[in-house]
C-alpha cells in the first residue's frame, strides 16, 4: 500500500454532477446557473440540495420565490453548461445566448431547460448559511424525463442520457463509464451466511 500525500483542505470529492438550477427573477424572467455543489440529500421526503453563493442572481431568485428546478444535462450540451456557469444572469440572458428553451415547471414557480433530458421541480424547505455558500434544500415535487432518457422499464437510462460530471481541482467535465455492477448485488460475496 502506497503512502498518501496531504493535499490540504480542498473540495476534492468527485465526481460531482454538473447541474443547472433554474429560477425566475423579480420580473419573472427565466434564469439558469450551473452548479457543481448539489445532490440528493433525503429520500423521504425526496429532496435535493444545491449550494449557491449569496452574491449570485440565482440566490436572490430562490430566496424570493422559494422554488427552483434542477435540470440534468446530457453530454451533448456540455458547452452550454460551461457557458451558463461562467456568466451571470445579471449580464446575459442565458436562454437567448445558448438557444436553450425555458419551460415553466408544473409544480413550482421556476423554469427548467427543455432540451435537457431530466428536470426536478423543487420547493425550498430549508436554507442553511454555510459560509461562502448557502445550502438550499428543495423537496422534489415532480421529476420530468424525456422518453429517450428512460429504459424499457421506465427507469432513467444513464447511458442514454450521457450524464455530465465535473471534477473539482481538475476543472474538467467527464461522462460516466459503463456500469460496474448492480447495487446491493455485487457486494453479496462479503456477506456471511
N, C-alpha and C. Protein backbone atom coordinates (compact mmCIF):
# COMPACT_ATOMS: atom_id res chain seq x y z
N UNK A 1 0.84 -1.17 0.00
CA UNK A 1 0.00 0.00 0.00
C UNK A 1 0.89 1.24 0.00
N UNK A 2 0.56 2.19 -0.87
CA UNK A 2 1.35 3.40 -1.01
C UNK A 2 0.92 4.44 0.02
N UNK A 3 1.90 5.21 0.53
CA UNK A 3 1.58 6.31 1.45
C UNK A 3 0.87 7.42 0.69
N UNK A 4 -0.10 8.02 1.34
CA UNK A 4 -0.83 9.12 0.74
C UNK A 4 -0.20 10.45 1.11
N UNK A 5 -0.23 11.40 0.16
CA UNK A 5 0.27 12.75 0.40
C UNK A 5 -0.89 13.66 0.77
N UNK A 6 -0.67 14.57 1.69
CA UNK A 6 -1.69 15.53 2.08
C UNK A 6 -1.84 16.58 0.98
N UNK A 7 -3.08 16.86 0.58
CA UNK A 7 -3.37 17.90 -0.39
C UNK A 7 -4.02 19.11 0.28
N UNK A 8 -4.22 19.03 1.59
CA UNK A 8 -4.82 20.14 2.33
C UNK A 8 -6.34 20.09 2.27
N UNK A 9 -6.96 21.06 2.92
CA UNK A 9 -8.43 21.15 2.98
C UNK A 9 -8.93 21.75 1.67
N UNK A 10 -9.48 20.91 0.81
CA UNK A 10 -9.96 21.35 -0.51
C UNK A 10 -11.24 20.61 -0.87
N UNK A 11 -11.96 21.11 -1.84
CA UNK A 11 -13.22 20.50 -2.28
C UNK A 11 -12.93 19.44 -3.34
N UNK A 12 -12.36 18.33 -2.91
CA UNK A 12 -11.93 17.30 -3.86
C UNK A 12 -12.70 15.99 -3.74
N UNK A 13 -13.97 16.05 -3.44
CA UNK A 13 -14.80 14.86 -3.50
C UNK A 13 -15.41 14.84 -4.90
N UNK A 14 -15.19 13.78 -5.63
CA UNK A 14 -15.64 13.78 -7.02
C UNK A 14 -16.04 12.39 -7.47
N UNK A 15 -16.76 12.29 -8.59
CA UNK A 15 -17.22 13.40 -9.41
C UNK A 15 -18.43 14.08 -8.77
N UNK A 16 -18.67 15.30 -9.19
CA UNK A 16 -19.89 16.00 -8.79
C UNK A 16 -20.75 16.13 -10.04
N UNK A 17 -22.05 16.07 -9.90
CA UNK A 17 -22.89 16.24 -11.09
C UNK A 17 -22.84 17.69 -11.55
N UNK A 18 -22.83 17.90 -12.84
CA UNK A 18 -22.98 19.24 -13.38
C UNK A 18 -24.49 19.47 -13.50
N UNK A 19 -25.02 20.35 -12.68
CA UNK A 19 -26.45 20.59 -12.61
C UNK A 19 -26.76 22.03 -13.01
N UNK A 20 -27.91 22.24 -13.60
CA UNK A 20 -28.32 23.58 -13.99
C UNK A 20 -29.57 23.95 -13.21
N UNK A 21 -29.43 24.96 -12.36
CA UNK A 21 -30.52 25.40 -11.49
C UNK A 21 -31.30 26.51 -12.18
N UNK A 22 -32.61 26.34 -12.26
CA UNK A 22 -33.47 27.33 -12.89
C UNK A 22 -34.28 28.10 -11.87
N UNK A 23 -34.48 29.39 -12.15
CA UNK A 23 -35.28 30.24 -11.26
C UNK A 23 -35.80 31.42 -12.07
N UNK A 24 -36.77 32.12 -11.50
CA UNK A 24 -37.28 33.36 -12.09
C UNK A 24 -36.80 34.53 -11.24
N UNK A 25 -36.47 35.64 -11.91
CA UNK A 25 -36.07 36.83 -11.16
C UNK A 25 -37.31 37.60 -10.72
N UNK A 26 -37.12 38.78 -10.16
CA UNK A 26 -38.23 39.58 -9.61
C UNK A 26 -39.23 40.00 -10.69
N UNK A 27 -38.78 40.05 -11.95
CA UNK A 27 -39.66 40.40 -13.07
C UNK A 27 -40.14 39.17 -13.83
N UNK A 28 -39.95 38.00 -13.23
CA UNK A 28 -40.34 36.71 -13.82
C UNK A 28 -39.60 36.38 -15.11
N UNK A 29 -38.38 36.90 -15.24
CA UNK A 29 -37.52 36.49 -16.36
C UNK A 29 -36.82 35.19 -15.96
N UNK A 30 -36.80 34.20 -16.86
CA UNK A 30 -36.15 32.93 -16.54
C UNK A 30 -34.63 33.07 -16.51
N UNK A 31 -34.02 32.38 -15.56
CA UNK A 31 -32.57 32.40 -15.43
C UNK A 31 -32.09 31.00 -15.07
N UNK A 32 -30.87 30.69 -15.45
CA UNK A 32 -30.25 29.41 -15.09
C UNK A 32 -28.81 29.65 -14.65
N UNK A 33 -28.33 28.72 -13.83
CA UNK A 33 -26.97 28.78 -13.31
C UNK A 33 -26.45 27.36 -13.17
N UNK A 34 -25.23 27.12 -13.61
CA UNK A 34 -24.60 25.82 -13.43
C UNK A 34 -24.02 25.73 -12.03
N UNK A 35 -24.31 24.61 -11.34
CA UNK A 35 -23.74 24.37 -10.02
C UNK A 35 -23.10 22.98 -10.01
N UNK A 36 -22.05 22.86 -9.23
CA UNK A 36 -21.42 21.55 -9.03
C UNK A 36 -21.66 21.06 -7.61
N UNK A 37 -22.05 21.96 -6.72
CA UNK A 37 -22.30 21.56 -5.34
C UNK A 37 -23.78 21.23 -5.21
N UNK A 38 -24.13 20.00 -5.51
CA UNK A 38 -25.52 19.60 -5.42
C UNK A 38 -25.68 18.10 -5.44
N UNK A 39 -26.83 17.64 -4.96
CA UNK A 39 -27.13 16.22 -4.99
C UNK A 39 -28.32 15.89 -4.11
N UNK A 40 -28.70 14.63 -4.15
CA UNK A 40 -29.81 14.15 -3.32
C UNK A 40 -29.39 14.20 -1.86
N UNK A 41 -30.30 14.64 -0.99
CA UNK A 41 -29.95 14.73 0.42
C UNK A 41 -30.96 14.06 1.34
N UNK A 42 -32.10 13.60 0.80
CA UNK A 42 -33.09 12.91 1.62
C UNK A 42 -33.99 12.09 0.70
N UNK A 43 -34.44 10.93 1.23
CA UNK A 43 -35.33 10.09 0.43
C UNK A 43 -36.81 10.29 0.78
N UNK A 44 -37.11 10.63 2.06
CA UNK A 44 -38.49 10.89 2.46
C UNK A 44 -38.53 12.13 3.33
N UNK A 45 -39.00 13.27 2.86
CA UNK A 45 -39.49 13.47 1.50
C UNK A 45 -38.33 13.52 0.52
N UNK A 46 -38.58 13.16 -0.74
CA UNK A 46 -37.49 13.21 -1.72
C UNK A 46 -36.98 14.65 -1.84
N UNK A 47 -35.69 14.83 -1.61
CA UNK A 47 -35.13 16.17 -1.56
C UNK A 47 -33.76 16.23 -2.22
N UNK A 48 -33.46 17.39 -2.76
CA UNK A 48 -32.17 17.66 -3.37
C UNK A 48 -31.63 18.93 -2.74
N UNK A 49 -30.30 19.04 -2.72
CA UNK A 49 -29.70 20.26 -2.19
C UNK A 49 -28.77 20.86 -3.24
N UNK A 50 -28.70 22.18 -3.24
CA UNK A 50 -27.74 22.92 -4.06
C UNK A 50 -27.14 24.00 -3.18
N UNK A 51 -25.84 24.27 -3.38
CA UNK A 51 -25.17 25.33 -2.62
C UNK A 51 -24.80 26.45 -3.57
N UNK A 52 -25.20 27.66 -3.20
CA UNK A 52 -25.04 28.83 -4.08
C UNK A 52 -24.50 30.00 -3.26
N UNK A 53 -23.59 30.74 -3.85
CA UNK A 53 -23.05 31.94 -3.18
C UNK A 53 -24.13 33.03 -3.11
N UNK A 54 -24.22 33.74 -1.99
CA UNK A 54 -25.22 34.80 -1.85
C UNK A 54 -25.09 35.93 -2.89
N UNK A 55 -23.93 36.08 -3.50
CA UNK A 55 -23.75 37.14 -4.50
C UNK A 55 -24.41 36.81 -5.84
N UNK A 56 -24.84 35.59 -6.03
CA UNK A 56 -25.39 35.16 -7.32
C UNK A 56 -26.85 35.58 -7.47
N UNK A 57 -27.23 35.88 -8.70
CA UNK A 57 -28.63 36.21 -9.00
C UNK A 57 -29.55 35.05 -8.63
N UNK A 58 -29.12 33.84 -8.87
CA UNK A 58 -29.94 32.66 -8.56
C UNK A 58 -30.27 32.61 -7.08
N UNK A 59 -29.33 32.99 -6.22
CA UNK A 59 -29.58 33.04 -4.77
C UNK A 59 -30.77 33.97 -4.49
N UNK A 60 -30.73 35.18 -5.03
CA UNK A 60 -31.80 36.15 -4.81
C UNK A 60 -33.13 35.62 -5.35
N UNK A 61 -33.08 34.99 -6.52
CA UNK A 61 -34.30 34.46 -7.13
C UNK A 61 -34.93 33.36 -6.27
N UNK A 62 -34.09 32.45 -5.78
CA UNK A 62 -34.61 31.36 -4.95
C UNK A 62 -35.16 31.90 -3.63
N UNK A 63 -34.47 32.86 -3.04
CA UNK A 63 -34.97 33.45 -1.80
C UNK A 63 -36.32 34.14 -2.02
N UNK A 64 -36.50 34.76 -3.18
CA UNK A 64 -37.74 35.47 -3.49
C UNK A 64 -38.91 34.51 -3.71
N UNK A 65 -38.70 33.50 -4.53
CA UNK A 65 -39.81 32.62 -4.92
C UNK A 65 -39.88 31.31 -4.14
N UNK A 66 -38.82 31.01 -3.37
CA UNK A 66 -38.77 29.78 -2.57
C UNK A 66 -38.99 28.53 -3.43
N UNK A 67 -38.43 28.58 -4.63
CA UNK A 67 -38.57 27.47 -5.57
C UNK A 67 -37.40 27.49 -6.54
N UNK A 68 -37.08 26.30 -7.08
CA UNK A 68 -36.07 26.18 -8.13
C UNK A 68 -36.26 24.86 -8.85
N UNK A 69 -35.62 24.75 -10.00
CA UNK A 69 -35.57 23.48 -10.71
C UNK A 69 -34.12 23.06 -10.82
N UNK A 70 -33.91 21.77 -11.00
CA UNK A 70 -32.59 21.24 -11.29
C UNK A 70 -32.71 20.49 -12.61
N UNK A 71 -32.08 21.03 -13.65
CA UNK A 71 -32.06 20.36 -14.94
C UNK A 71 -30.77 19.57 -15.05
N UNK A 72 -30.90 18.32 -15.47
CA UNK A 72 -29.75 17.43 -15.60
C UNK A 72 -29.39 17.36 -17.07
N UNK A 73 -28.23 17.92 -17.44
CA UNK A 73 -27.87 17.95 -18.85
C UNK A 73 -27.26 16.63 -19.34
N UNK A 74 -27.40 16.40 -20.63
CA UNK A 74 -26.69 15.31 -21.28
C UNK A 74 -25.40 15.84 -21.87
N UNK A 75 -24.52 14.93 -22.26
CA UNK A 75 -23.20 15.29 -22.78
C UNK A 75 -23.27 16.18 -24.01
N UNK A 76 -24.34 16.09 -24.77
CA UNK A 76 -24.47 16.91 -25.98
C UNK A 76 -24.52 18.41 -25.68
N UNK A 77 -24.79 18.76 -24.45
CA UNK A 77 -24.92 20.18 -24.08
C UNK A 77 -23.83 20.66 -23.12
N UNK A 78 -22.68 20.04 -23.12
CA UNK A 78 -21.61 20.43 -22.20
C UNK A 78 -21.15 21.87 -22.46
N UNK A 79 -21.15 22.32 -23.70
CA UNK A 79 -20.75 23.72 -24.00
C UNK A 79 -21.70 24.71 -23.34
N UNK A 80 -22.99 24.44 -23.44
CA UNK A 80 -23.98 25.32 -22.83
C UNK A 80 -23.85 25.32 -21.30
N UNK A 81 -23.64 24.13 -20.74
CA UNK A 81 -23.47 24.01 -19.29
C UNK A 81 -22.28 24.84 -18.82
N UNK A 82 -21.18 24.76 -19.56
CA UNK A 82 -19.99 25.51 -19.19
C UNK A 82 -20.22 27.02 -19.30
N UNK A 83 -20.85 27.47 -20.37
CA UNK A 83 -21.14 28.89 -20.54
C UNK A 83 -22.03 29.41 -19.40
N UNK A 84 -23.10 28.65 -19.10
CA UNK A 84 -24.03 29.06 -18.06
C UNK A 84 -23.34 29.18 -16.71
N UNK A 85 -22.27 28.44 -16.51
CA UNK A 85 -21.51 28.50 -15.27
C UNK A 85 -20.52 29.65 -15.22
N UNK A 86 -20.31 30.32 -16.34
CA UNK A 86 -19.32 31.40 -16.39
C UNK A 86 -19.91 32.80 -16.34
N UNK A 87 -21.15 32.94 -16.75
CA UNK A 87 -21.75 34.27 -16.95
C UNK A 87 -22.94 34.43 -16.01
N UNK A 88 -23.09 35.61 -15.46
CA UNK A 88 -24.21 35.90 -14.57
C UNK A 88 -25.46 36.25 -15.36
N UNK A 89 -26.60 35.85 -14.83
CA UNK A 89 -27.87 36.24 -15.42
C UNK A 89 -28.11 37.74 -15.33
N UNK A 90 -27.33 38.44 -14.53
CA UNK A 90 -27.41 39.91 -14.49
C UNK A 90 -26.82 40.52 -15.75
N UNK A 91 -25.93 39.77 -16.41
CA UNK A 91 -25.21 40.29 -17.57
C UNK A 91 -25.67 39.73 -18.90
N UNK A 92 -26.36 38.61 -18.89
CA UNK A 92 -26.78 37.98 -20.14
C UNK A 92 -28.02 37.14 -19.94
N UNK A 93 -28.82 37.01 -20.99
CA UNK A 93 -29.97 36.11 -20.99
C UNK A 93 -29.44 34.76 -21.46
N UNK A 94 -29.25 33.85 -20.50
CA UNK A 94 -28.64 32.55 -20.80
C UNK A 94 -29.41 31.78 -21.86
N UNK A 95 -30.73 31.86 -21.81
CA UNK A 95 -31.53 31.13 -22.78
C UNK A 95 -31.36 31.71 -24.19
N UNK A 96 -31.35 33.03 -24.32
CA UNK A 96 -31.19 33.65 -25.63
C UNK A 96 -29.82 33.35 -26.22
N UNK A 97 -28.78 33.46 -25.40
CA UNK A 97 -27.42 33.24 -25.89
C UNK A 97 -27.20 31.80 -26.32
N UNK A 98 -27.67 30.85 -25.53
CA UNK A 98 -27.39 29.43 -25.81
C UNK A 98 -28.41 28.79 -26.75
N UNK A 99 -29.56 29.42 -26.92
CA UNK A 99 -30.61 28.82 -27.74
C UNK A 99 -31.41 27.77 -27.01
N UNK A 100 -31.18 27.62 -25.72
CA UNK A 100 -31.95 26.67 -24.92
C UNK A 100 -33.34 27.25 -24.63
N UNK A 101 -34.27 26.38 -24.26
CA UNK A 101 -35.66 26.78 -24.08
C UNK A 101 -36.07 26.73 -22.61
N UNK A 102 -36.56 27.88 -22.07
CA UNK A 102 -37.09 27.84 -20.70
C UNK A 102 -38.51 27.27 -20.73
N UNK A 103 -38.76 26.28 -19.89
CA UNK A 103 -40.08 25.66 -19.79
C UNK A 103 -40.59 25.89 -18.37
N UNK A 104 -41.78 26.47 -18.22
CA UNK A 104 -42.31 26.67 -16.87
C UNK A 104 -42.58 25.32 -16.20
N UNK A 105 -42.09 25.17 -14.98
CA UNK A 105 -42.35 23.94 -14.22
C UNK A 105 -43.83 23.87 -13.89
N UNK A 106 -44.34 22.67 -13.75
CA UNK A 106 -45.75 22.50 -13.44
C UNK A 106 -46.05 22.57 -11.96
N UNK A 107 -45.05 22.31 -11.11
CA UNK A 107 -45.28 22.21 -9.67
C UNK A 107 -44.80 23.40 -8.87
N UNK A 108 -43.86 24.17 -9.42
CA UNK A 108 -43.28 25.31 -8.70
C UNK A 108 -43.09 26.48 -9.67
N UNK A 109 -42.85 27.66 -9.11
CA UNK A 109 -42.64 28.85 -9.92
C UNK A 109 -41.15 28.97 -10.26
N UNK A 110 -40.73 28.21 -11.27
CA UNK A 110 -39.35 28.21 -11.73
C UNK A 110 -39.31 27.53 -13.10
N UNK A 111 -38.36 27.90 -13.95
CA UNK A 111 -38.25 27.26 -15.26
C UNK A 111 -37.22 26.13 -15.25
N UNK A 112 -37.37 25.19 -16.16
CA UNK A 112 -36.32 24.20 -16.39
C UNK A 112 -35.88 24.28 -17.85
N UNK A 113 -34.81 23.60 -18.19
CA UNK A 113 -34.26 23.63 -19.54
C UNK A 113 -34.92 22.52 -20.36
N UNK A 114 -35.67 22.90 -21.37
CA UNK A 114 -36.42 21.94 -22.17
C UNK A 114 -35.57 20.91 -22.89
N UNK A 115 -34.39 21.29 -23.32
CA UNK A 115 -33.52 20.38 -24.07
C UNK A 115 -32.79 19.37 -23.20
N UNK A 116 -32.74 19.58 -21.90
CA UNK A 116 -32.04 18.65 -21.02
C UNK A 116 -32.97 17.49 -20.69
N UNK A 117 -32.45 16.26 -20.60
CA UNK A 117 -33.31 15.08 -20.51
C UNK A 117 -34.07 14.89 -19.20
N UNK A 118 -33.62 15.50 -18.11
CA UNK A 118 -34.28 15.31 -16.82
C UNK A 118 -34.37 16.65 -16.10
N UNK A 119 -35.49 16.88 -15.42
CA UNK A 119 -35.67 18.09 -14.63
C UNK A 119 -36.40 17.76 -13.33
N UNK A 120 -35.91 18.31 -12.23
CA UNK A 120 -36.53 18.15 -10.92
C UNK A 120 -37.16 19.48 -10.54
N UNK A 121 -38.41 19.45 -10.11
CA UNK A 121 -39.12 20.65 -9.68
C UNK A 121 -39.15 20.67 -8.16
N UNK A 122 -38.60 21.75 -7.56
CA UNK A 122 -38.34 21.74 -6.12
C UNK A 122 -38.91 22.96 -5.39
N UNK A 123 -39.48 22.69 -4.24
CA UNK A 123 -39.96 23.72 -3.32
C UNK A 123 -38.97 23.80 -2.18
N UNK A 124 -38.49 25.01 -1.87
CA UNK A 124 -37.49 25.18 -0.81
C UNK A 124 -38.09 24.82 0.54
N UNK A 125 -37.37 23.96 1.27
CA UNK A 125 -37.79 23.58 2.61
C UNK A 125 -36.80 24.04 3.69
N UNK A 126 -35.53 24.20 3.30
CA UNK A 126 -34.51 24.62 4.26
C UNK A 126 -33.50 25.52 3.55
N UNK A 127 -33.04 26.52 4.29
CA UNK A 127 -31.98 27.41 3.83
C UNK A 127 -30.94 27.46 4.94
N UNK A 128 -29.69 27.07 4.62
CA UNK A 128 -28.65 27.00 5.64
C UNK A 128 -27.43 27.78 5.17
N UNK A 129 -27.05 28.79 5.94
CA UNK A 129 -25.84 29.56 5.65
C UNK A 129 -24.64 28.73 6.07
N UNK A 130 -23.78 28.41 5.10
CA UNK A 130 -22.61 27.56 5.38
C UNK A 130 -21.31 28.34 5.43
N UNK A 131 -21.32 29.59 5.05
CA UNK A 131 -20.09 30.38 4.93
C UNK A 131 -20.08 31.02 3.55
N UNK A 132 -19.19 30.57 2.68
CA UNK A 132 -19.12 31.12 1.33
C UNK A 132 -20.36 30.79 0.51
N UNK A 133 -21.04 29.71 0.85
CA UNK A 133 -22.23 29.28 0.13
C UNK A 133 -23.41 29.15 1.08
N UNK A 134 -24.60 29.22 0.50
CA UNK A 134 -25.84 28.93 1.21
C UNK A 134 -26.41 27.66 0.61
N UNK A 135 -26.78 26.73 1.48
CA UNK A 135 -27.35 25.47 1.05
C UNK A 135 -28.86 25.59 0.99
N UNK A 136 -29.42 25.29 -0.17
CA UNK A 136 -30.87 25.26 -0.34
C UNK A 136 -31.29 23.80 -0.46
N UNK A 137 -32.21 23.39 0.40
CA UNK A 137 -32.79 22.06 0.29
C UNK A 137 -34.16 22.24 -0.34
N UNK A 138 -34.40 21.49 -1.40
CA UNK A 138 -35.68 21.56 -2.07
C UNK A 138 -36.36 20.21 -2.07
N UNK A 139 -37.61 20.19 -1.64
CA UNK A 139 -38.39 18.96 -1.76
C UNK A 139 -38.75 18.79 -3.23
N UNK A 140 -38.47 17.62 -3.77
CA UNK A 140 -38.74 17.33 -5.17
C UNK A 140 -40.23 17.01 -5.30
N UNK A 141 -40.97 17.92 -5.95
CA UNK A 141 -42.41 17.74 -6.11
C UNK A 141 -42.74 16.97 -7.38
N UNK A 142 -41.84 17.02 -8.38
CA UNK A 142 -42.05 16.26 -9.61
C UNK A 142 -40.71 16.12 -10.32
N UNK A 143 -40.58 15.03 -11.07
CA UNK A 143 -39.43 14.81 -11.94
C UNK A 143 -39.97 14.63 -13.35
N UNK A 144 -39.42 15.41 -14.27
CA UNK A 144 -39.78 15.29 -15.68
C UNK A 144 -38.62 14.62 -16.40
N UNK A 145 -38.92 13.68 -17.31
CA UNK A 145 -37.87 13.00 -18.06
C UNK A 145 -38.32 12.78 -19.49
N UNK A 146 -37.41 13.02 -20.43
CA UNK A 146 -37.68 12.70 -21.82
C UNK A 146 -37.86 11.20 -21.97
N UNK A 147 -38.71 10.78 -22.88
CA UNK A 147 -38.90 9.35 -23.14
C UNK A 147 -37.59 8.70 -23.55
N UNK A 148 -36.74 9.43 -24.27
CA UNK A 148 -35.45 8.87 -24.72
C UNK A 148 -34.47 8.68 -23.57
N UNK A 149 -34.79 9.24 -22.38
CA UNK A 149 -33.92 9.10 -21.22
C UNK A 149 -34.33 7.91 -20.35
N UNK A 150 -35.36 7.17 -20.78
CA UNK A 150 -35.88 6.06 -20.00
C UNK A 150 -35.59 4.72 -20.68
N UNK A 151 -35.38 3.70 -19.86
CA UNK A 151 -35.18 2.36 -20.41
C UNK A 151 -36.55 1.69 -20.61
N UNK A 152 -36.55 0.43 -20.99
CA UNK A 152 -37.79 -0.28 -21.28
C UNK A 152 -38.68 -0.46 -20.05
N UNK A 153 -38.10 -0.33 -18.85
CA UNK A 153 -38.87 -0.45 -17.61
C UNK A 153 -39.33 0.91 -17.07
N UNK A 154 -39.03 1.99 -17.79
CA UNK A 154 -39.41 3.33 -17.36
C UNK A 154 -38.47 3.95 -16.35
N UNK A 155 -37.28 3.36 -16.17
CA UNK A 155 -36.27 3.91 -15.27
C UNK A 155 -35.28 4.74 -16.08
N UNK A 156 -34.62 5.69 -15.39
CA UNK A 156 -33.65 6.53 -16.09
C UNK A 156 -32.52 5.68 -16.65
N UNK A 157 -32.16 5.94 -17.89
CA UNK A 157 -31.09 5.24 -18.59
C UNK A 157 -29.88 6.18 -18.67
N UNK A 158 -28.97 6.05 -17.72
CA UNK A 158 -27.84 6.96 -17.60
C UNK A 158 -26.97 6.94 -18.85
N UNK A 159 -26.81 5.79 -19.47
CA UNK A 159 -26.00 5.71 -20.69
C UNK A 159 -26.67 6.47 -21.83
N UNK A 160 -27.99 6.42 -21.92
CA UNK A 160 -28.70 7.16 -22.96
C UNK A 160 -28.61 8.67 -22.72
N UNK A 161 -28.63 9.07 -21.45
CA UNK A 161 -28.55 10.49 -21.11
C UNK A 161 -27.17 11.05 -21.41
N UNK A 162 -26.12 10.26 -21.14
CA UNK A 162 -24.75 10.78 -21.30
C UNK A 162 -24.45 11.79 -20.22
N UNK A 163 -24.68 11.40 -18.97
CA UNK A 163 -24.54 12.27 -17.81
C UNK A 163 -23.22 13.03 -17.80
N UNK A 164 -23.28 14.31 -17.44
CA UNK A 164 -22.11 15.18 -17.36
C UNK A 164 -21.70 15.31 -15.90
N UNK A 165 -20.43 15.06 -15.62
CA UNK A 165 -19.90 15.27 -14.27
C UNK A 165 -18.78 16.29 -14.33
N UNK A 166 -18.52 16.90 -13.19
CA UNK A 166 -17.47 17.91 -13.07
C UNK A 166 -16.48 17.42 -12.03
N UNK A 167 -15.19 17.61 -12.30
CA UNK A 167 -14.16 17.21 -11.36
C UNK A 167 -13.51 18.45 -10.76
N UNK A 168 -13.85 18.78 -9.48
CA UNK A 168 -13.21 19.91 -8.82
C UNK A 168 -11.70 19.67 -8.74
N UNK A 169 -10.95 20.73 -8.81
CA UNK A 169 -9.49 20.62 -8.76
C UNK A 169 -8.89 20.43 -10.13
N UNK A 170 -9.51 19.59 -10.97
CA UNK A 170 -9.05 19.43 -12.35
C UNK A 170 -9.72 20.43 -13.28
N UNK A 171 -10.90 20.92 -12.85
CA UNK A 171 -11.72 21.83 -13.65
C UNK A 171 -11.98 21.27 -15.04
N UNK A 172 -12.49 20.02 -15.06
CA UNK A 172 -12.80 19.34 -16.31
C UNK A 172 -14.14 18.62 -16.17
N UNK A 173 -14.80 18.47 -17.32
CA UNK A 173 -16.04 17.70 -17.38
C UNK A 173 -15.73 16.30 -17.89
N UNK A 174 -16.47 15.33 -17.36
CA UNK A 174 -16.34 13.95 -17.81
C UNK A 174 -17.72 13.34 -17.93
N UNK A 175 -17.81 12.29 -18.73
CA UNK A 175 -19.00 11.46 -18.75
C UNK A 175 -18.77 10.29 -17.82
N UNK A 176 -19.77 9.45 -17.70
CA UNK A 176 -19.62 8.26 -16.88
C UNK A 176 -19.31 7.07 -17.77
N UNK A 177 -18.59 6.11 -17.23
CA UNK A 177 -18.28 4.89 -17.97
C UNK A 177 -19.40 3.87 -17.82
N UNK A 178 -19.14 2.66 -18.24
CA UNK A 178 -20.16 1.61 -18.15
C UNK A 178 -20.44 1.22 -16.70
N UNK A 179 -21.56 0.58 -16.49
CA UNK A 179 -21.94 0.11 -15.17
C UNK A 179 -20.90 -0.88 -14.64
N UNK A 180 -20.61 -0.79 -13.35
CA UNK A 180 -19.67 -1.69 -12.70
C UNK A 180 -20.37 -2.84 -11.98
N UNK A 181 -21.67 -2.79 -11.92
CA UNK A 181 -22.43 -3.85 -11.27
C UNK A 181 -23.70 -3.31 -10.66
N UNK A 182 -24.59 -4.21 -10.32
CA UNK A 182 -25.87 -3.82 -9.74
C UNK A 182 -25.71 -3.58 -8.24
N UNK A 183 -26.24 -2.45 -7.77
CA UNK A 183 -26.20 -2.11 -6.35
C UNK A 183 -26.94 -3.15 -5.54
N UNK A 184 -26.44 -3.45 -4.38
CA UNK A 184 -26.99 -4.42 -3.44
C UNK A 184 -26.85 -5.86 -3.95
N UNK A 185 -26.06 -6.05 -5.00
CA UNK A 185 -25.80 -7.38 -5.55
C UNK A 185 -24.30 -7.69 -5.55
N UNK A 186 -23.47 -6.75 -6.09
CA UNK A 186 -22.05 -7.06 -6.28
C UNK A 186 -21.31 -7.28 -4.96
N UNK A 187 -21.79 -6.76 -3.87
CA UNK A 187 -21.13 -6.92 -2.59
C UNK A 187 -21.59 -8.13 -1.78
N UNK A 188 -22.53 -8.88 -2.32
CA UNK A 188 -23.07 -10.01 -1.57
C UNK A 188 -22.03 -11.05 -1.22
N UNK A 189 -20.96 -11.13 -1.98
CA UNK A 189 -19.92 -12.14 -1.71
C UNK A 189 -19.30 -11.95 -0.33
N UNK A 190 -19.38 -10.73 0.23
CA UNK A 190 -18.77 -10.46 1.54
C UNK A 190 -19.74 -10.72 2.70
N UNK A 191 -20.99 -10.99 2.39
CA UNK A 191 -21.97 -11.24 3.45
C UNK A 191 -21.79 -12.66 3.98
N UNK A 192 -21.87 -12.80 5.27
CA UNK A 192 -21.72 -14.14 5.85
C UNK A 192 -23.09 -14.83 5.90
N UNK A 193 -23.03 -16.14 5.71
CA UNK A 193 -24.25 -16.96 5.84
C UNK A 193 -25.05 -16.89 4.65
